Amino acid sequence: MAAEIDGPAAAATGPSSDPAAGAAVLSAETVDSTAGGPGGRGRVAAFGAATVLVLGLLGAPLGWLWAAVAPATPVVKSGDGAVYGQAQPEQPIAADGWFSLLGLAFGVLTALAVWFLLRRHRGPVGLVVAAAGGLAAGLVAWQVGRRVGLASYQRLLDSAPDGTRFSKPADLRAGGIELFLGVLPVPYGNLLLPAFAAAVTYTLLAGWSRWPSLRPEPEPDAAWLAAHPPLPAGPAGAAGSGPAGEVSSGPAGARPTPPTAPEPPAPGEAAPPRG
């Protein structure tokens, strides 16, 4: 019976037979197997797409905020349309600067939200979701912000007499969308800053994580620590311990005792013969 217990069944009665540790391993294997299957990948993809959609919708209030803080550019109605009311206006540069700052801040907040709220999907999935959500939010913010006051500007541009002064709403000069090969729209410039900030922040969070899997791992409870106490480190030179206090793999007392040196002769006695 003892030989049978020491066989394959002994693996189930070792340290891993603790109920808490077994439950943690079982739950981790269940999550991994669920996420790795075809249905699990489909759910992860759907969840990521929904998160990107939510982040893109958050670009609407970001665009309203940009339109509120960015200064409008003064223009003058002429026969050829609207011309700048100043020789070198600074308002378009300020509008680009405000969009860049707001986009960077939004990207950082996006990465933090994805990292802390989507703990189960930390890793490449979270990085892609954060970057795609930042890009979607930047596009929505640009389109929403540039349309605030655009209808009034177009009406004045069509009906106002020449020489009328009015303001043009904020728009981007250092960013936009251009067609690649005349078909594929590609964003460029400061439209990419929210996605860039989200990707960099998420990568830094992953690099500073203290868990190899990037997910919070269960800590051993008090019962498990009591059942598996750490081995005490003995003093240097003690029986059963190594030179640095490490526990020796052999039995205690197996190391041979070094021979003792002979005592010197007393004064007046002949020295023992050598050789």
Protein backbone atom coordinates (compact mmCIF):
# COMPACT_ATOMS: atom_id res chain seq x y z
CA MET A 1 0.00 0.00 0.00
CA ALA A 2 2.84 2.38 0.77
CA ALA A 3 4.36 1.76 -2.65
CA GLU A 4 1.05 2.51 -4.31
CA ILE A 5 0.67 5.77 -2.41
CA ASP A 6 4.19 6.85 -3.40
CA GLY A 7 3.34 6.31 -7.06
CA PRO A 8 1.26 8.56 -9.36
CA ALA A 9 -1.19 9.36 -6.60
CA ALA A 10 1.56 11.12 -4.65
CA ALA A 11 1.44 14.05 -7.07
CA ALA A 12 -2.08 14.79 -5.91
CA THR A 13 -1.16 14.67 -2.22
CA GLY A 14 1.85 17.05 -2.47
CA PRO A 15 1.91 20.77 -1.71
CA SER A 16 -0.40 21.51 -4.66
CA SER A 17 -3.28 19.62 -2.94
CA ASP A 18 -4.09 22.72 -0.90
CA PRO A 19 -7.73 23.70 -1.65
CA ALA A 20 -6.99 27.40 -2.19
CA ALA A 21 -4.04 26.72 -4.48
CA GLY A 22 -5.98 24.11 -6.41
CA ALA A 23 -8.92 26.47 -6.89
CA ALA A 24 -6.63 29.23 -8.13
CA VAL A 25 -4.92 26.90 -10.62
CA LEU A 26 -8.27 25.55 -11.81
CA SER A 27 -9.72 29.02 -12.31
CA ALA A 28 -6.62 30.17 -14.20
CA GLU A 29 -6.74 27.10 -16.47
CA THR A 30 -10.46 27.66 -17.05
CA VAL A 31 -9.94 31.30 -18.05
CA ASP A 32 -7.04 30.42 -20.34
CA SER A 33 -8.92 27.61 -22.03
CA THR A 34 -12.02 29.78 -22.44
CA ALA A 35 -10.08 32.70 -23.89
CA GLY A 36 -8.02 30.47 -26.17
CA GLY A 37 -10.98 28.74 -27.85
CA PRO A 38 -12.76 30.03 -30.95
CA GLY A 39 -15.71 31.27 -28.90
CA GLY A 40 -13.38 32.96 -26.42
CA ARG A 41 -11.51 34.79 -29.17
CA GLY A 42 -14.81 35.93 -30.64
CA ARG A 43 -15.95 37.33 -27.30
CA VAL A 44 -12.62 39.10 -26.80
CA ALA A 45 -12.87 40.65 -30.28
CA ALA A 46 -16.45 41.79 -29.67
CA PHE A 47 -15.52 43.20 -26.28
CA GLY A 48 -12.56 45.06 -27.78
CA ALA A 49 -14.70 46.50 -30.59
CA ALA A 50 -17.29 47.71 -28.07
CA THR A 51 -14.56 49.37 -25.99
CA VAL A 52 -13.15 51.13 -29.07
CA LEU A 53 -16.66 52.33 -29.92
CA VAL A 54 -17.16 53.76 -26.43
CA LEU A 55 -13.80 55.54 -26.55
CA GLY A 56 -14.66 56.93 -29.97
CA LEU A 57 -17.92 58.35 -28.65
CA LEU A 58 -15.98 60.04 -25.87
CA GLY A 59 -14.26 62.02 -28.60
CA ALA A 60 -17.45 64.10 -29.01
CA PRO A 61 -17.11 65.94 -25.66
CA LEU A 62 -13.39 66.21 -26.36
CA GLY A 63 -14.22 68.03 -29.61
CA TRP A 64 -16.63 70.37 -27.83
CA LEU A 65 -13.93 71.18 -25.29
CA TRP A 66 -11.42 71.86 -28.05
CA ALA A 67 -13.84 74.21 -29.82
CA ALA A 68 -14.45 76.04 -26.53
CA VAL A 69 -10.79 76.67 -25.67
CA ALA A 70 -9.32 77.15 -29.15
CA PRO A 71 -9.49 80.76 -30.39
CA ALA A 72 -11.42 81.59 -33.56
CA THR A 73 -9.53 83.19 -36.45
CA PRO A 74 -10.68 86.68 -37.56
CA VAL A 75 -11.36 86.90 -41.31
CA VAL A 76 -12.63 89.53 -43.77
CA LYS A 77 -15.10 88.86 -46.57
CA SER A 78 -13.69 89.64 -50.00
CA GLY A 79 -14.66 88.97 -53.58
CA ASP A 80 -12.65 85.74 -53.58
CA GLY A 81 -13.99 84.51 -50.26
CA ALA A 82 -12.62 85.01 -46.75
CA VAL A 83 -9.09 86.24 -46.10
CA TYR A 84 -7.23 86.57 -42.83
CA GLY A 85 -7.95 89.76 -40.94
CA GLN A 86 -4.31 89.86 -39.76
CA ALA A 87 -1.07 89.55 -41.68
CA GLN A 88 0.23 86.63 -39.59
CA PRO A 89 -2.58 85.24 -37.45
CA GLU A 90 -1.63 83.10 -34.47
CA GLN A 91 -5.08 81.59 -33.88
CA PRO A 92 -4.63 78.59 -36.25
CA ILE A 93 -1.37 77.65 -34.49
CA ALA A 94 -3.09 77.95 -31.12
CA ALA A 95 -5.92 75.71 -32.32
CA ASP A 96 -3.38 73.03 -33.32
CA GLY A 97 -1.62 73.37 -29.98
CA TRP A 98 -4.80 73.00 -27.97
CA PHE A 99 -5.83 69.93 -29.95
CA SER A 100 -2.41 68.37 -29.41
CA LEU A 101 -2.47 68.96 -25.64
CA LEU A 102 -6.02 67.69 -25.23
CA GLY A 103 -5.29 64.68 -27.42
CA LEU A 104 -2.21 63.71 -25.41
CA ALA A 105 -4.10 64.01 -22.13
CA PHE A 106 -6.98 61.95 -23.53
CA GLY A 107 -4.57 59.24 -24.69
CA VAL A 108 -2.99 58.96 -21.24
CA LEU A 109 -6.39 58.70 -19.55
CA THR A 110 -7.49 56.12 -22.13
CA ALA A 111 -4.49 53.90 -21.38
CA LEU A 112 -5.08 54.15 -17.62
CA ALA A 113 -8.77 53.30 -18.01
CA VAL A 114 -8.06 50.28 -20.24
CA TRP A 115 -5.29 49.07 -17.92
CA PHE A 116 -7.28 49.23 -14.68
CA LEU A 117 -10.80 48.44 -15.94
CA LEU A 118 -9.93 45.65 -18.37
CA ARG A 119 -7.58 43.64 -16.19
CA ARG A 120 -8.46 40.31 -17.75
CA HIS A 121 -7.39 41.54 -21.18
CA ARG A 122 -4.04 43.07 -20.31
CA GLY A 123 -1.39 42.53 -22.91
CA PRO A 124 -1.52 42.86 -26.72
CA VAL A 125 -5.33 43.02 -26.71
CA GLY A 126 -5.38 45.92 -24.27
CA LEU A 127 -2.64 47.74 -26.19
CA VAL A 128 -4.53 47.46 -29.50
CA VAL A 129 -7.80 48.54 -27.86
CA ALA A 130 -6.19 51.59 -26.23
CA ALA A 131 -4.44 52.71 -29.43
CA ALA A 132 -7.49 52.14 -31.64
CA GLY A 133 -9.74 53.91 -29.14
CA GLY A 134 -7.40 56.89 -29.03
CA LEU A 135 -7.36 57.11 -32.82
CA ALA A 136 -11.16 56.89 -33.03
CA ALA A 137 -11.55 59.56 -30.36
CA GLY A 138 -9.14 61.88 -32.18
CA LEU A 139 -11.07 61.59 -35.44
CA VAL A 140 -14.42 62.19 -33.73
CA ALA A 141 -13.06 65.15 -31.75
CA TRP A 142 -11.71 66.78 -34.91
CA GLN A 143 -14.97 66.41 -36.83
CA VAL A 144 -17.13 67.57 -33.92
CA GLY A 145 -14.93 70.50 -32.93
CA ARG A 146 -14.51 71.93 -36.43
CA ARG A 147 -18.28 71.92 -36.95
CA VAL A 148 -19.04 74.03 -33.89
CA GLY A 149 -20.02 77.40 -35.40
CA LEU A 150 -19.32 76.24 -38.95
CA ALA A 151 -22.94 76.79 -40.10
CA SER A 152 -22.88 80.46 -39.02
CA TYR A 153 -19.53 80.96 -40.72
CA GLN A 154 -20.79 79.52 -44.00
CA ARG A 155 -23.93 81.68 -43.87
CA LEU A 156 -21.91 84.86 -43.36
CA LEU A 157 -19.49 83.82 -46.06
CA ASP A 158 -22.33 83.43 -48.55
CA SER A 159 -24.51 86.42 -47.63
CA ALA A 160 -22.30 89.07 -46.00
CA PRO A 161 -21.15 92.01 -48.13
CA ASP A 162 -17.49 92.48 -48.94
CA GLY A 163 -15.44 93.99 -46.13
CA THR A 164 -17.46 92.34 -43.37
CA ARG A 165 -15.38 91.06 -40.49
CA PHE A 166 -16.30 87.84 -38.71
CA SER A 167 -14.58 84.79 -37.23
CA LYS A 168 -13.72 81.38 -38.62
CA PRO A 169 -14.12 78.41 -36.23
CA ALA A 170 -11.15 76.37 -35.13
CA ASP A 171 -9.72 73.78 -37.49
CA LEU A 172 -6.52 71.78 -37.86
CA ARG A 173 -3.63 72.75 -40.06
CA ALA A 174 -1.07 70.21 -38.80
CA GLY A 175 -3.35 67.20 -39.11
CA GLY A 176 -6.11 65.68 -41.17
CA ILE A 177 -6.86 62.82 -43.55
CA GLU A 178 -5.28 62.21 -46.92
CA LEU A 179 -6.12 59.52 -49.47
CA PHE A 180 -3.51 56.84 -50.07
CA LEU A 181 -3.55 55.88 -53.76
CA GLY A 182 -6.65 58.01 -54.04
CA VAL A 183 -8.79 55.43 -52.21
CA LEU A 184 -7.64 54.61 -48.66
CA PRO A 185 -8.08 57.43 -46.11
CA VAL A 186 -5.04 57.73 -43.85
CA PRO A 187 -4.94 60.10 -40.84
CA TYR A 188 -1.78 62.06 -40.21
CA GLY A 189 -0.35 64.80 -38.00
CA ASN A 190 -1.71 65.58 -34.58
CA LEU A 191 -4.75 63.38 -35.21
CA LEU A 192 -2.47 60.50 -34.22
CA LEU A 193 -1.42 62.00 -30.89
CA PRO A 194 -4.22 60.41 -28.77
CA ALA A 195 -3.34 56.95 -30.12
CA PHE A 196 0.38 57.62 -29.64
CA ALA A 197 -0.06 58.73 -26.03
CA ALA A 198 -2.31 55.74 -25.26
CA ALA A 199 0.18 53.24 -26.73
CA VAL A 200 3.18 54.74 -24.92
CA THR A 201 1.39 54.95 -21.56
CA TYR A 202 0.06 51.40 -21.82
CA THR A 203 3.52 50.08 -22.70
CA LEU A 204 5.03 51.84 -19.69
CA LEU A 205 2.37 50.37 -17.40
CA ALA A 206 3.15 46.90 -18.74
CA GLY A 207 6.87 47.44 -18.20
CA TRP A 208 6.34 48.52 -14.59
CA SER A 209 3.95 45.68 -13.74
CA ARG A 210 5.15 43.36 -10.96
CA TRP A 211 3.23 40.38 -12.38
CA PRO A 212 4.75 38.46 -15.30
CA SER A 213 1.27 37.83 -16.74
CA LEU A 214 0.32 41.54 -16.29
CA ARG A 215 -2.74 40.35 -14.36
CA PRO A 216 -3.11 40.40 -10.56
CA GLU A 217 -2.15 36.97 -9.26
CA PRO A 218 -3.67 35.52 -6.04
CA GLU A 219 -1.46 35.86 -3.00
CA PRO A 220 -0.97 32.76 -0.77
CA ASP A 221 -3.25 32.90 2.26
CA ALA A 222 -2.25 32.49 5.89
CA ALA A 223 -3.28 28.82 6.00
CA TRP A 224 -1.03 27.92 3.08
CA LEU A 225 1.91 29.82 4.58
CA ALA A 226 1.37 28.05 7.91
CA ALA A 227 1.34 24.65 6.19
CA HIS A 228 4.47 25.45 4.15
CA PRO A 229 6.84 27.43 6.40
CA PRO A 230 10.15 28.54 4.86
CA LEU A 231 13.22 26.48 5.74
CA PRO A 232 15.46 28.20 8.31
CA ALA A 233 18.95 29.12 7.16
CA GLY A 234 21.59 27.64 9.48
CA PRO A 235 24.89 29.33 10.42
CA ALA A 236 27.96 28.96 8.25
CA GLY A 237 29.80 25.71 8.93
CA ALA A 238 26.89 24.05 10.79
CA ALA A 239 26.03 20.44 10.12
CA GLY A 240 23.58 20.08 7.20
CA SER A 241 24.14 23.63 5.91
CA GLY A 242 26.28 25.03 3.13
CA PRO A 243 28.99 27.63 3.36
CA ALA A 244 26.48 30.49 3.09
CA GLY A 245 23.80 29.03 5.35
CA GLU A 246 22.14 27.06 2.53
CA VAL A 247 20.61 23.71 3.35
CA SER A 248 22.75 20.85 2.11
CA SER A 249 21.19 18.22 -0.13
CA GLY A 250 22.95 15.36 1.74
CA PRO A 251 22.13 13.94 5.20
CA ALA A 252 23.12 15.80 8.31
CA GLY A 253 26.61 14.96 9.53
CA ALA A 254 27.71 13.41 6.22
CA ARG A 255 30.51 15.97 5.78
CA PRO A 256 33.85 14.58 7.15
CA THR A 257 35.43 16.32 10.14
CA PRO A 258 38.85 17.83 9.37
CA PRO A 259 41.79 16.37 11.39
CA THR A 260 42.98 18.36 14.36
CA ALA A 261 46.51 19.80 14.34
CA PRO A 262 48.99 18.22 16.85
CA GLU A 263 49.66 20.22 19.98
CA PRO A 264 53.19 21.72 20.34
CA PRO A 265 55.55 19.90 22.79
CA ALA A 266 55.96 21.23 26.31
CA PRO A 267 59.15 23.16 27.13
CA GLY A 268 62.09 20.82 27.74
CA GLU A 269 60.60 17.85 25.92
CA ALA A 270 62.04 16.51 22.70
CA ALA A 271 60.16 17.30 19.55
CA PRO A 272 58.46 14.34 17.90
CA PRO A 273 60.29 12.92 14.92
CA ARG A 274 59.13 14.21 11.52
CA GLY A 275 58.43 12.07 8.50
